[in-house]
N, C-alpha and C. Protein backbone atom coordinates (compact mmCIF):
# COMPACT_ATOMS: atom_id res chain seq x y z
N MET A 1 207.87 72.37 168.92
CA MET A 1 208.68 71.74 169.95
C MET A 1 208.67 70.23 169.70
N ASN A 2 209.84 69.61 169.87
CA ASN A 2 209.97 68.18 169.61
C ASN A 2 210.49 67.44 170.83
N VAL A 3 210.29 66.14 170.81
CA VAL A 3 210.82 65.27 171.85
C VAL A 3 211.60 64.16 171.14
N ILE A 4 212.69 63.73 171.76
CA ILE A 4 213.48 62.62 171.23
C ILE A 4 212.98 61.35 171.92
N TYR A 5 212.47 60.41 171.13
CA TYR A 5 211.94 59.17 171.68
C TYR A 5 212.92 58.05 171.36
N VAL A 6 213.36 57.35 172.41
CA VAL A 6 214.30 56.23 172.26
C VAL A 6 213.61 54.96 172.74
N TYR A 7 213.46 54.00 171.85
CA TYR A 7 212.89 52.71 172.20
C TYR A 7 214.02 51.69 172.22
N LEU A 8 214.27 51.11 173.40
CA LEU A 8 215.31 50.09 173.54
C LEU A 8 214.71 48.74 173.19
N ILE A 9 215.19 48.14 172.14
CA ILE A 9 214.61 46.93 171.57
C ILE A 9 214.65 45.76 172.54
N PHE A 10 215.80 45.50 173.15
CA PHE A 10 215.93 44.32 174.01
C PHE A 10 215.27 44.50 175.37
N ARG A 11 215.19 45.74 175.85
CA ARG A 11 214.51 45.98 177.13
C ARG A 11 213.01 46.16 176.95
N LYS A 12 212.61 46.42 175.71
CA LYS A 12 211.21 46.69 175.38
C LYS A 12 210.67 47.85 176.22
N LYS A 13 211.45 48.94 176.26
CA LYS A 13 211.08 50.15 177.00
C LYS A 13 211.34 51.36 176.13
N GLY A 14 210.50 52.35 176.29
CA GLY A 14 210.67 53.60 175.57
C GLY A 14 210.91 54.75 176.52
N TYR A 15 211.72 55.72 176.09
CA TYR A 15 212.06 56.88 176.89
C TYR A 15 211.91 58.13 176.04
N ALA A 16 211.46 59.22 176.65
CA ALA A 16 211.34 60.50 175.97
C ALA A 16 212.32 61.49 176.58
N PHE A 17 213.03 62.23 175.71
CA PHE A 17 214.04 63.18 176.15
C PHE A 17 213.81 64.52 175.49
N GLY A 18 214.28 65.57 176.14
CA GLY A 18 214.14 66.92 175.60
C GLY A 18 215.20 67.27 174.58
N SER A 19 216.31 66.52 174.55
CA SER A 19 217.38 66.79 173.59
C SER A 19 218.17 65.51 173.33
N LEU A 20 218.95 65.52 172.27
CA LEU A 20 219.78 64.36 171.96
C LEU A 20 220.86 64.16 173.02
N SER A 21 221.41 65.24 173.54
CA SER A 21 222.45 65.12 174.58
C SER A 21 221.89 64.53 175.86
N ALA A 22 220.63 64.80 176.16
CA ALA A 22 220.01 64.28 177.38
C ALA A 22 219.90 62.76 177.35
N VAL A 23 219.85 62.18 176.18
CA VAL A 23 219.77 60.72 176.05
C VAL A 23 220.94 60.08 176.79
N PHE A 24 222.12 60.65 176.63
CA PHE A 24 223.33 60.05 177.19
C PHE A 24 223.56 60.43 178.66
N ASP A 25 222.71 61.27 179.22
CA ASP A 25 222.73 61.50 180.67
C ASP A 25 222.08 60.32 181.39
N TYR A 26 221.21 59.60 180.70
CA TYR A 26 220.46 58.50 181.32
C TYR A 26 220.82 57.13 180.77
N LEU A 27 221.24 57.08 179.52
CA LEU A 27 221.57 55.81 178.87
C LEU A 27 223.01 55.83 178.39
N THR A 28 223.64 54.67 178.34
CA THR A 28 225.01 54.60 177.85
C THR A 28 225.02 54.41 176.33
N GLU A 29 226.19 54.59 175.75
CA GLU A 29 226.33 54.36 174.32
C GLU A 29 226.08 52.90 173.98
N ASP A 30 226.41 52.00 174.90
CA ASP A 30 226.12 50.57 174.68
C ASP A 30 224.62 50.30 174.71
N ASP A 31 223.88 50.99 175.58
CA ASP A 31 222.43 50.82 175.64
C ASP A 31 221.78 51.21 174.32
N VAL A 32 222.24 52.32 173.76
CA VAL A 32 221.62 52.89 172.56
C VAL A 32 222.18 52.27 171.28
N GLY A 33 223.42 51.82 171.33
CA GLY A 33 224.02 51.20 170.16
C GLY A 33 224.66 52.18 169.19
N ILE A 34 224.93 53.40 169.67
CA ILE A 34 225.56 54.42 168.82
C ILE A 34 226.29 55.40 169.73
N LYS A 35 227.39 55.97 169.24
CA LYS A 35 228.13 56.95 170.03
C LYS A 35 227.42 58.30 169.97
N LYS A 36 227.62 59.09 171.02
CA LYS A 36 226.97 60.39 171.11
C LYS A 36 227.33 61.29 169.92
N THR A 37 228.60 61.34 169.57
CA THR A 37 229.02 62.21 168.46
C THR A 37 228.39 61.78 167.14
N THR A 38 228.28 60.49 166.92
CA THR A 38 227.66 59.98 165.70
C THR A 38 226.18 60.35 165.66
N LEU A 39 225.50 60.20 166.78
CA LEU A 39 224.07 60.54 166.83
C LEU A 39 223.86 62.03 166.59
N LEU A 40 224.70 62.87 167.17
CA LEU A 40 224.56 64.31 166.97
C LEU A 40 224.78 64.69 165.51
N HIS A 41 225.71 64.03 164.82
CA HIS A 41 225.96 64.32 163.41
C HIS A 41 224.86 63.78 162.50
N ARG A 42 224.21 62.71 162.90
CA ARG A 42 223.17 62.10 162.06
C ARG A 42 221.77 62.51 162.48
N SER A 43 221.65 63.51 163.32
CA SER A 43 220.34 63.89 163.87
C SER A 43 219.36 64.35 162.80
N GLY A 44 219.84 64.82 161.66
CA GLY A 44 218.95 65.23 160.59
C GLY A 44 218.33 64.07 159.84
N LYS A 45 218.80 62.86 160.11
CA LYS A 45 218.32 61.68 159.40
C LYS A 45 217.53 60.76 160.33
N LEU A 46 216.74 61.34 161.22
CA LEU A 46 215.92 60.53 162.12
C LEU A 46 214.64 60.15 161.40
N PRO A 47 214.06 59.00 161.62
CA PRO A 47 214.38 58.00 162.62
C PRO A 47 215.66 57.24 162.27
N LEU A 48 216.34 56.82 163.33
CA LEU A 48 217.58 56.09 163.21
C LEU A 48 217.42 54.76 163.92
N ILE A 49 217.74 53.68 163.24
CA ILE A 49 217.60 52.35 163.82
C ILE A 49 218.98 51.75 164.00
N THR A 50 219.31 51.37 165.24
CA THR A 50 220.56 50.68 165.53
C THR A 50 220.21 49.24 165.91
N ARG A 51 221.21 48.47 166.25
CA ARG A 51 220.95 47.09 166.67
C ARG A 51 220.24 47.03 168.02
N ARG A 52 220.34 48.10 168.79
CA ARG A 52 219.79 48.09 170.14
C ARG A 52 218.62 49.04 170.35
N ALA A 53 218.43 50.02 169.47
CA ALA A 53 217.42 51.04 169.73
C ALA A 53 216.86 51.62 168.44
N ILE A 54 215.69 52.22 168.59
CA ILE A 54 215.08 53.02 167.54
C ILE A 54 214.97 54.43 168.11
N ILE A 55 215.58 55.39 167.41
CA ILE A 55 215.63 56.77 167.89
C ILE A 55 214.84 57.61 166.90
N ASN A 56 213.89 58.38 167.43
CA ASN A 56 213.02 59.17 166.57
C ASN A 56 212.78 60.53 167.20
N LYS A 57 212.49 61.51 166.36
CA LYS A 57 212.13 62.85 166.83
C LYS A 57 210.65 63.04 166.54
N LEU A 58 209.88 63.31 167.58
CA LEU A 58 208.43 63.43 167.44
C LEU A 58 207.97 64.79 167.94
N PRO A 59 206.93 65.35 167.32
CA PRO A 59 206.40 66.63 167.80
C PRO A 59 205.59 66.43 169.08
N ILE A 60 205.65 67.43 169.94
CA ILE A 60 204.81 67.42 171.14
C ILE A 60 203.50 68.09 170.75
N LEU A 61 202.41 67.41 170.99
CA LEU A 61 201.10 67.96 170.68
C LEU A 61 200.58 68.69 171.90
N ARG A 62 200.18 69.93 171.70
CA ARG A 62 199.70 70.74 172.81
C ARG A 62 198.27 71.17 172.54
N LYS A 63 197.60 71.53 173.61
CA LYS A 63 196.25 72.03 173.48
C LYS A 63 196.26 73.34 172.72
N LYS A 64 195.29 73.51 171.85
CA LYS A 64 195.20 74.76 171.11
C LYS A 64 194.73 75.87 172.03
N ARG A 65 195.22 77.06 171.77
CA ARG A 65 194.85 78.21 172.60
C ARG A 65 193.42 78.63 172.32
N ASN A 66 192.75 79.01 173.38
CA ASN A 66 191.43 79.64 173.26
C ASN A 66 191.62 81.11 173.55
N ASP A 67 191.48 81.94 172.56
CA ASP A 67 191.58 83.38 172.78
C ASP A 67 190.21 83.89 173.18
N LYS A 68 190.12 84.24 174.46
CA LYS A 68 188.84 84.77 174.97
C LYS A 68 188.81 86.27 174.75
N LYS A 69 187.72 86.73 174.21
CA LYS A 69 187.53 88.17 174.02
C LYS A 69 186.37 88.60 174.90
N ASP A 70 186.67 89.53 175.78
CA ASP A 70 185.62 90.03 176.70
C ASP A 70 185.01 91.29 176.18
């Protein structure tokens, strides 16, 4: 499972999203510095650096399962 991390350079703030489309529910194309369609087409080439943001796909680290045997 991955998370999309967007760091806005000029605001000095980072945001985590569950999908690339979710980015544009909260931020505008002007905020990110790239159009939604362009980002969706270039998603295989992350990290992506624009003039306004750094967009990266990061894995979510989860606790390892403990299999209890009774």
